Amino acid sequence: MRAGRRIGIAIAGGLVVAAGVVLAMPLIPGPGLLVIALGLGILSLEFERPRVWLAALKSRFRELANRVRHKPSDGDGK
């Protein structure tokens, strides 16, 4: 039973990550990085390495959000 769950999660997560990679390609509209993160979330239910990758991805998004939030204005009002 455990092996079946592990295989199912691996297949589902792999397919979602693959779909995210396709959506992340140029000229293809779609939320590619979000779908990749969703796929990593599915894979992290059963595997350790995607958990590490997902944590790194979250950290980078937090850094970017902080930089955008605390960006100093140039004072010209535009």
PDB file of N, CA and C in Angstrom:
ATOM      1  N   MET A   1       0.821  -1.199   0.000  1.00  0.00           N
ATOM      2  CA  MET A   1       0.000   0.000   0.000  1.00  0.00           C
ATOM      3  C   MET A   1       0.863   1.261   0.000  1.00  0.00           C
ATOM      4  N   ARG A   2       1.929   1.248   0.810  1.00  0.00           N
ATOM      5  CA  ARG A   2       2.821   2.403   0.906  1.00  0.00           C
ATOM      6  C   ARG A   2       3.519   2.670  -0.436  1.00  0.00           C
ATOM      7  N   ALA A   3       3.939   1.606  -1.106  1.00  0.00           N
ATOM      8  CA  ALA A   3       4.624   1.768  -2.390  1.00  0.00           C
ATOM      9  C   ALA A   3       3.680   2.339  -3.445  1.00  0.00           C
ATOM     10  N   GLY A   4       2.427   1.917  -3.416  1.00  0.00           N
ATOM     11  CA  GLY A   4       1.452   2.448  -4.368  1.00  0.00           C
ATOM     12  C   GLY A   4       1.209   3.929  -4.177  1.00  0.00           C
ATOM     13  N   ARG A   5       1.112   4.366  -2.925  1.00  0.00           N
ATOM     14  CA  ARG A   5       0.932   5.794  -2.626  1.00  0.00           C
ATOM     15  C   ARG A   5       2.147   6.585  -3.099  1.00  0.00           C
ATOM     16  N   ARG A   6       3.325   6.046  -2.836  1.00  0.00           N
ATOM     17  CA  ARG A   6       4.567   6.721  -3.225  1.00  0.00           C
ATOM     18  C   ARG A   6       4.656   6.863  -4.745  1.00  0.00           C
ATOM     19  N   ILE A   7       4.307   5.812  -5.455  1.00  0.00           N
ATOM     20  CA  ILE A   7       4.336   5.850  -6.929  1.00  0.00           C
ATOM     21  C   ILE A   7       3.296   6.830  -7.460  1.00  0.00           C
ATOM     22  N   GLY A   8       2.107   6.810  -6.872  1.00  0.00           N
ATOM     23  CA  GLY A   8       1.050   7.737  -7.303  1.00  0.00           C
ATOM     24  C   GLY A   8       1.437   9.188  -7.103  1.00  0.00           C
ATOM     25  N   ILE A   9       2.030   9.490  -5.959  1.00  0.00           N
ATOM     26  CA  ILE A   9       2.479  10.856  -5.698  1.00  0.00           C
ATOM     27  C   ILE A   9       3.606  11.247  -6.651  1.00  0.00           C
ATOM     28  N   ALA A  10       4.502  10.324  -6.927  1.00  0.00           N
ATOM     29  CA  ALA A  10       5.607  10.609  -7.850  1.00  0.00           C
ATOM     30  C   ALA A  10       5.088  10.910  -9.252  1.00  0.00           C
ATOM     31  N   ILE A  11       4.120  10.130  -9.707  1.00  0.00           N
ATOM     32  CA  ILE A  11       3.566  10.345 -11.054  1.00  0.00           C
ATOM     33  C   ILE A  11       2.798  11.663 -11.115  1.00  0.00           C
ATOM     34  N   ALA A  12       1.911  11.887 -10.137  1.00  0.00           N
ATOM     35  CA  ALA A  12       1.100  13.113 -10.136  1.00  0.00           C
ATOM     36  C   ALA A  12       1.988  14.349 -10.025  1.00  0.00           C
ATOM     37  N   GLY A  13       2.925  14.343  -9.083  1.00  0.00           N
ATOM     38  CA  GLY A  13       3.816  15.485  -8.910  1.00  0.00           C
ATOM     39  C   GLY A  13       4.696  15.719 -10.117  1.00  0.00           C
ATOM     40  N   GLY A  14       5.201  14.640 -10.705  1.00  0.00           N
ATOM     41  CA  GLY A  14       6.036  14.768 -11.902  1.00  0.00           C
ATOM     42  C   GLY A  14       5.280  15.361 -13.078  1.00  0.00           C
ATOM     43  N   LEU A  15       4.027  14.936 -13.239  1.00  0.00           N
ATOM     44  CA  LEU A  15       3.216  15.489 -14.328  1.00  0.00           C
ATOM     45  C   LEU A  15       2.916  16.966 -14.119  1.00  0.00           C
ATOM     46  N   VAL A  16       2.646  17.354 -12.874  1.00  0.00           N
ATOM     47  CA  VAL A  16       2.368  18.770 -12.594  1.00  0.00           C
ATOM     48  C   VAL A  16       3.628  19.608 -12.806  1.00  0.00           C
ATOM     49  N   VAL A  17       4.778  19.118 -12.368  1.00  0.00           N
ATOM     50  CA  VAL A  17       6.030  19.844 -12.602  1.00  0.00           C
ATOM     51  C   VAL A  17       6.306  19.957 -14.104  1.00  0.00           C
ATOM     52  N   ALA A  18       6.094  18.885 -14.843  1.00  0.00           N
ATOM     53  CA  ALA A  18       6.311  18.914 -16.294  1.00  0.00           C
ATOM     54  C   ALA A  18       5.381  19.930 -16.964  1.00  0.00           C
ATOM     55  N   ALA A  19       4.128  19.979 -16.521  1.00  0.00           N
ATOM     56  CA  ALA A  19       3.197  20.971 -17.072  1.00  0.00           C
ATOM     57  C   ALA A  19       3.673  22.381 -16.746  1.00  0.00           C
ATOM     58  N   GLY A  20       4.206  22.581 -15.558  1.00  0.00           N
ATOM     59  CA  GLY A  20       4.736  23.893 -15.187  1.00  0.00           C
ATOM     60  C   GLY A  20       5.932  24.292 -16.025  1.00  0.00           C
ATOM     61  N   VAL A  21       6.785  23.342 -16.342  1.00  0.00           N
ATOM     62  CA  VAL A  21       7.944  23.635 -17.197  1.00  0.00           C
ATOM     63  C   VAL A  21       7.466  24.057 -18.584  1.00  0.00           C
ATOM     64  N   VAL A  22       6.458  23.379 -19.105  1.00  0.00           N
ATOM     65  CA  VAL A  22       5.916  23.751 -20.413  1.00  0.00           C
ATOM     66  C   VAL A  22       5.312  25.156 -20.351  1.00  0.00           C
ATOM     67  N   LEU A  23       4.570  25.452 -19.280  1.00  0.00           N
ATOM     68  CA  LEU A  23       3.956  26.773 -19.154  1.00  0.00           C
ATOM     69  C   LEU A  23       4.989  27.874 -18.925  1.00  0.00           C
ATOM     70  N   ALA A  24       6.158  27.531 -18.432  1.00  0.00           N
ATOM     71  CA  ALA A  24       7.197  28.532 -18.177  1.00  0.00           C
ATOM     72  C   ALA A  24       7.994  28.880 -19.428  1.00  0.00           C
ATOM     73  N   MET A  25       7.784  28.159 -20.511  1.00  0.00           N
ATOM     74  CA  MET A  25       8.516  28.429 -21.748  1.00  0.00           C
ATOM     75  C   MET A  25       8.054  29.749 -22.364  1.00  0.00           C
ATOM     76  N   PRO A  26       8.961  30.407 -23.087  1.00  0.00           N
ATOM     77  CA  PRO A  26       8.578  31.659 -23.741  1.00  0.00           C
ATOM     78  C   PRO A  26       7.457  31.429 -24.760  1.00  0.00           C
ATOM     79  N   LEU A  27       6.637  32.424 -24.897  1.00  0.00           N
ATOM     80  CA  LEU A  27       5.519  32.455 -25.848  1.00  0.00           C
ATOM     81  C   LEU A  27       4.368  31.521 -25.477  1.00  0.00           C
ATOM     82  N   ILE A  28       4.425  30.898 -24.323  1.00  0.00           N
ATOM     83  CA  ILE A  28       3.315  30.070 -23.861  1.00  0.00           C
ATOM     84  C   ILE A  28       2.754  30.741 -22.614  1.00  0.00           C
ATOM     85  N   PRO A  29       1.516  31.236 -22.695  1.00  0.00           N
ATOM     86  CA  PRO A  29       0.959  31.928 -21.536  1.00  0.00           C
ATOM     87  C   PRO A  29       0.598  30.952 -20.419  1.00  0.00           C
ATOM     88  N   GLY A  30       0.790  31.397 -19.213  1.00  0.00           N
ATOM     89  CA  GLY A  30       0.407  30.563 -18.080  1.00  0.00           C
ATOM     90  C   GLY A  30       1.309  30.784 -16.893  1.00  0.00           C
ATOM     91  N   PRO A  31       0.838  30.383 -15.742  1.00  0.00           N
ATOM     92  CA  PRO A  31       1.601  30.576 -14.496  1.00  0.00           C
ATOM     93  C   PRO A  31       2.595  29.447 -14.265  1.00  0.00           C
ATOM     94  N   GLY A  32       3.621  29.363 -15.067  1.00  0.00           N
ATOM     95  CA  GLY A  32       4.572  28.254 -15.025  1.00  0.00           C
ATOM     96  C   GLY A  32       5.229  28.045 -13.680  1.00  0.00           C
ATOM     97  N   LEU A  33       5.762  29.107 -13.071  1.00  0.00           N
ATOM     98  CA  LEU A  33       6.459  28.945 -11.799  1.00  0.00           C
ATOM     99  C   LEU A  33       5.510  28.511 -10.685  1.00  0.00           C
ATOM    100  N   LEU A  34       4.285  29.004 -10.719  1.00  0.00           N
ATOM    101  CA  LEU A  34       3.316  28.590  -9.705  1.00  0.00           C
ATOM    102  C   LEU A  34       2.948  27.121  -9.855  1.00  0.00           C
ATOM    103  N   VAL A  35       2.832  26.657 -11.094  1.00  0.00           N
ATOM    104  CA  VAL A  35       2.507  25.245 -11.323  1.00  0.00           C
ATOM    105  C   VAL A  35       3.682  24.359 -10.914  1.00  0.00           C
ATOM    106  N   ILE A  36       4.900  24.817 -11.172  1.00  0.00           N
ATOM    107  CA  ILE A  36       6.077  24.067 -10.733  1.00  0.00           C
ATOM    108  C   ILE A  36       6.090  23.981  -9.206  1.00  0.00           C
ATOM    109  N   ALA A  37       5.801  25.095  -8.534  1.00  0.00           N
ATOM    110  CA  ALA A  37       5.758  25.089  -7.068  1.00  0.00           C
ATOM    111  C   ALA A  37       4.674  24.140  -6.559  1.00  0.00           C
ATOM    112  N   LEU A  38       3.541  24.106  -7.232  1.00  0.00           N
ATOM    113  CA  LEU A  38       2.473  23.183  -6.853  1.00  0.00           C
ATOM    114  C   LEU A  38       2.932  21.735  -7.007  1.00  0.00           C
ATOM    115  N   GLY A  39       3.609  21.432  -8.102  1.00  0.00           N
ATOM    116  CA  GLY A  39       4.136  20.086  -8.323  1.00  0.00           C
ATOM    117  C   GLY A  39       5.157  19.698  -7.271  1.00  0.00           C
ATOM    118  N   LEU A  40       6.027  20.644  -6.900  1.00  0.00           N
ATOM    119  CA  LEU A  40       6.992  20.366  -5.839  1.00  0.00           C
ATOM    120  C   LEU A  40       6.287  20.140  -4.508  1.00  0.00           C
ATOM    121  N   GLY A  41       5.200  20.866  -4.288  1.00  0.00           N
ATOM    122  CA  GLY A  41       4.418  20.650  -3.078  1.00  0.00           C
ATOM    123  C   GLY A  41       3.829  19.252  -3.028  1.00  0.00           C
ATOM    124  N   ILE A  42       3.347  18.775  -4.150  1.00  0.00           N
ATOM    125  CA  ILE A  42       2.803  17.413  -4.219  1.00  0.00           C
ATOM    126  C   ILE A  42       3.922  16.399  -3.967  1.00  0.00           C
ATOM    127  N   LEU A  43       5.049  16.589  -4.629  1.00  0.00           N
ATOM    128  CA  LEU A  43       6.172  15.659  -4.453  1.00  0.00           C
ATOM    129  C   LEU A  43       6.727  15.684  -3.028  1.00  0.00           C
ATOM    130  N   SER A  44       6.656  16.845  -2.372  1.00  0.00           N
ATOM    131  CA  SER A  44       7.211  16.950  -1.024  1.00  0.00           C
ATOM    132  C   SER A  44       6.376  16.208   0.012  1.00  0.00           C
ATOM    133  N   LEU A  45       5.186  15.775  -0.366  1.00  0.00           N
ATOM    134  CA  LEU A  45       4.384  14.964   0.546  1.00  0.00           C
ATOM    135  C   LEU A  45       5.075  13.645   0.863  1.00  0.00           C
ATOM    136  N   GLU A  46       5.890  13.170  -0.059  1.00  0.00           N
ATOM    137  CA  GLU A  46       6.485  11.845   0.096  1.00  0.00           C
ATOM    138  C   GLU A  46       8.010  11.833   0.022  1.00  0.00           C
ATOM    139  N   PHE A  47       8.610  12.863  -0.587  1.00  0.00           N
ATOM    140  CA  PHE A  47      10.049  12.841  -0.834  1.00  0.00           C
ATOM    141  C   PHE A  47      10.719  14.046  -0.177  1.00  0.00           C
ATOM    142  N   GLU A  48      11.945  13.870   0.289  1.00  0.00           N
ATOM    143  CA  GLU A  48      12.667  14.926   1.006  1.00  0.00           C
ATOM    144  C   GLU A  48      13.250  15.989   0.070  1.00  0.00           C
ATOM    145  N   ARG A  49      13.848  15.597  -1.044  1.00  0.00           N
ATOM    146  CA  ARG A  49      14.524  16.551  -1.930  1.00  0.00           C
ATOM    147  C   ARG A  49      13.575  17.645  -2.450  1.00  0.00           C
ATOM    148  N   PRO A  50      12.360  17.324  -2.912  1.00  0.00           N
ATOM    149  CA  PRO A  50      11.465  18.408  -3.333  1.00  0.00           C
ATOM    150  C   PRO A  50      11.108  19.349  -2.183  1.00  0.00           C
ATOM    151  N   ARG A  51      11.090  18.837  -0.951  1.00  0.00           N
ATOM    152  CA  ARG A  51      10.840  19.689   0.215  1.00  0.00           C
ATOM    153  C   ARG A  51      11.934  20.744   0.330  1.00  0.00           C
ATOM    154  N   VAL A  52      13.179  20.354   0.081  1.00  0.00           N
ATOM    155  CA  VAL A  52      14.312  21.282   0.141  1.00  0.00           C
ATOM    156  C   VAL A  52      14.202  22.306  -0.990  1.00  0.00           C
ATOM    157  N   TRP A  53      13.890  21.839  -2.189  1.00  0.00           N
ATOM    158  CA  TRP A  53      13.755  22.749  -3.332  1.00  0.00           C
ATOM    159  C   TRP A  53      12.612  23.740  -3.115  1.00  0.00           C
ATOM    160  N   LEU A  54      11.505  23.261  -2.571  1.00  0.00           N
ATOM    161  CA  LEU A  54      10.362  24.133  -2.315  1.00  0.00           C
ATOM    162  C   LEU A  54      10.709  25.183  -1.265  1.00  0.00           C
ATOM    163  N   ALA A  55      11.441  24.813  -0.238  1.00  0.00           N
ATOM    164  CA  ALA A  55      11.872  25.771   0.785  1.00  0.00           C
ATOM    165  C   ALA A  55      12.779  26.837   0.169  1.00  0.00           C
ATOM    166  N   ALA A  56      13.680  26.437  -0.714  1.00  0.00           N
ATOM    167  CA  ALA A  56      14.569  27.397  -1.380  1.00  0.00           C
ATOM    168  C   ALA A  56      13.766  28.339  -2.276  1.00  0.00           C
ATOM    169  N   LEU A  57      12.784  27.798  -2.984  1.00  0.00           N
ATOM    170  CA  LEU A  57      11.945  28.618  -3.851  1.00  0.00           C
ATOM    171  C   LEU A  57      11.146  29.626  -3.035  1.00  0.00           C
ATOM    172  N   LYS A  58      10.591  29.201  -1.905  1.00  0.00           N
ATOM    173  CA  LYS A  58       9.853  30.109  -1.021  1.00  0.00           C
ATOM    174  C   LYS A  58      10.763  31.210  -0.506  1.00  0.00           C
ATOM    175  N   SER A  59      11.981  30.858  -0.149  1.00  0.00           N
ATOM    176  CA  SER A  59      12.931  31.843   0.362  1.00  0.00           C
ATOM    177  C   SER A  59      13.243  32.901  -0.691  1.00  0.00           C
ATOM    178  N   ARG A  60      13.440  32.463  -1.911  1.00  0.00           N
ATOM    179  CA  ARG A  60      13.735  33.426  -2.987  1.00  0.00           C
ATOM    180  C   ARG A  60      12.554  34.338  -3.263  1.00  0.00           C
ATOM    181  N   PHE A  61      11.336  33.800  -3.221  1.00  0.00           N
ATOM    182  CA  PHE A  61      10.154  34.634  -3.429  1.00  0.00           C
ATOM    183  C   PHE A  61       9.990  35.638  -2.296  1.00  0.00           C
ATOM    184  N   ARG A  62      10.298  35.229  -1.064  1.00  0.00           N
ATOM    185  CA  ARG A  62      10.218  36.167   0.065  1.00  0.00           C
ATOM    186  C   ARG A  62      11.239  37.283  -0.090  1.00  0.00           C
ATOM    187  N   GLU A  63      12.456  36.953  -0.503  1.00  0.00           N
ATOM    188  CA  GLU A  63      13.484  37.967  -0.736  1.00  0.00           C
ATOM    189  C   GLU A  63      13.039  38.957  -1.796  1.00  0.00           C
ATOM    190  N   LEU A  64      12.497  38.449  -2.888  1.00  0.00           N
ATOM    191  CA  LEU A  64      12.024  39.311  -3.967  1.00  0.00           C
ATOM    192  C   LEU A  64      10.889  40.211  -3.486  1.00  0.00           C
ATOM    193  N   ALA A  65       9.950  39.651  -2.744  1.00  0.00           N
ATOM    194  CA  ALA A  65       8.834  40.440  -2.218  1.00  0.00           C
ATOM    195  C   ALA A  65       9.332  41.533  -1.282  1.00  0.00           C
ATOM    196  N   ASN A  66      10.301  41.217  -0.446  1.00  0.00           N
ATOM    197  CA  ASN A  66      10.858  42.224   0.459  1.00  0.00           C
ATOM    198  C   ASN A  66      11.566  43.328  -0.304  1.00  0.00           C
ATOM    199  N   ARG A  67      12.291  42.964  -1.350  1.00  0.00           N
ATOM    200  CA  ARG A  67      12.982  43.974  -2.160  1.00  0.00           C
ATOM    201  C   ARG A  67      11.976  44.891  -2.851  1.00  0.00           C
ATOM    202  N   VAL A  68      10.893  44.315  -3.354  1.00  0.00           N
ATOM    203  CA  VAL A  68       9.878  45.114  -4.044  1.00  0.00           C
ATOM    204  C   VAL A  68       9.166  46.030  -3.043  1.00  0.00           C
ATOM    205  N   ARG A  69       8.849  45.497  -1.865  1.00  0.00           N
ATOM    206  CA  ARG A  69       8.154  46.281  -0.850  1.00  0.00           C
ATOM    207  C   ARG A  69       8.997  47.428  -0.315  1.00  0.00           C
ATOM    208  N   HIS A  70      10.275  47.198  -0.183  1.00  0.00           N
ATOM    209  CA  HIS A  70      11.143  48.210   0.439  1.00  0.00           C
ATOM    210  C   HIS A  70      11.995  48.966  -0.573  1.00  0.00           C
ATOM    211  N   LYS A  71      11.573  48.983  -1.798  1.00  0.00           N
ATOM    212  CA  LYS A  71      12.310  49.701  -2.826  1.00  0.00           C
ATOM    213  C   LYS A  71      12.163  51.202  -2.579  1.00  0.00           C
ATOM    214  N   PRO A  72      13.272  51.906  -2.454  1.00  0.00           N
ATOM    215  CA  PRO A  72      13.175  53.349  -2.208  1.00  0.00           C
ATOM    216  C   PRO A  72      12.666  54.072  -3.448  1.00  0.00           C
ATOM    217  N   SER A  73      11.810  55.033  -3.242  1.00  0.00           N
ATOM    218  CA  SER A  73      11.313  55.812  -4.386  1.00  0.00           C
ATOM    219  C   SER A  73      12.378  56.816  -4.786  1.00  0.00           C
ATOM    220  N   ASP A  74      12.357  57.214  -6.052  1.00  0.00           N
ATOM    221  CA  ASP A  74      13.364  58.131  -6.543  1.00  0.00           C
ATOM    222  C   ASP A  74      12.961  59.599  -6.323  1.00  0.00           C
ATOM    223  N   GLY A  75      11.771  59.831  -5.733  1.00  0.00           N
ATOM    224  CA  GLY A  75      11.405  61.171  -5.329  1.00  0.00           C
ATOM    225  C   GLY A  75      10.778  62.041  -6.406  1.00  0.00           C
ATOM    226  N   ASP A  76      10.668  61.568  -7.648  1.00  0.00           N
ATOM    227  CA  ASP A  76      10.093  62.404  -8.693  1.00  0.00           C
ATOM    228  C   ASP A  76       8.582  62.203  -8.846  1.00  0.00           C
ATOM    229  N   GLY A  77       7.980  61.282  -8.089  1.00  0.00           N
ATOM    230  CA  GLY A  77       6.544  61.095  -8.111  1.00  0.00           C
ATOM    231  C   GLY A  77       6.013  60.319  -9.290  1.00  0.00           C
ATOM    232  N   LYS A  78       6.856  59.740 -10.076  1.00  0.00           N
ATOM    233  CA  LYS A  78       6.402  58.991 -11.245  1.00  0.00           C
ATOM    234  C   LYS A  78       6.375  57.520 -10.980  1.00  0.00           C
TER     235      LYS A  78
END
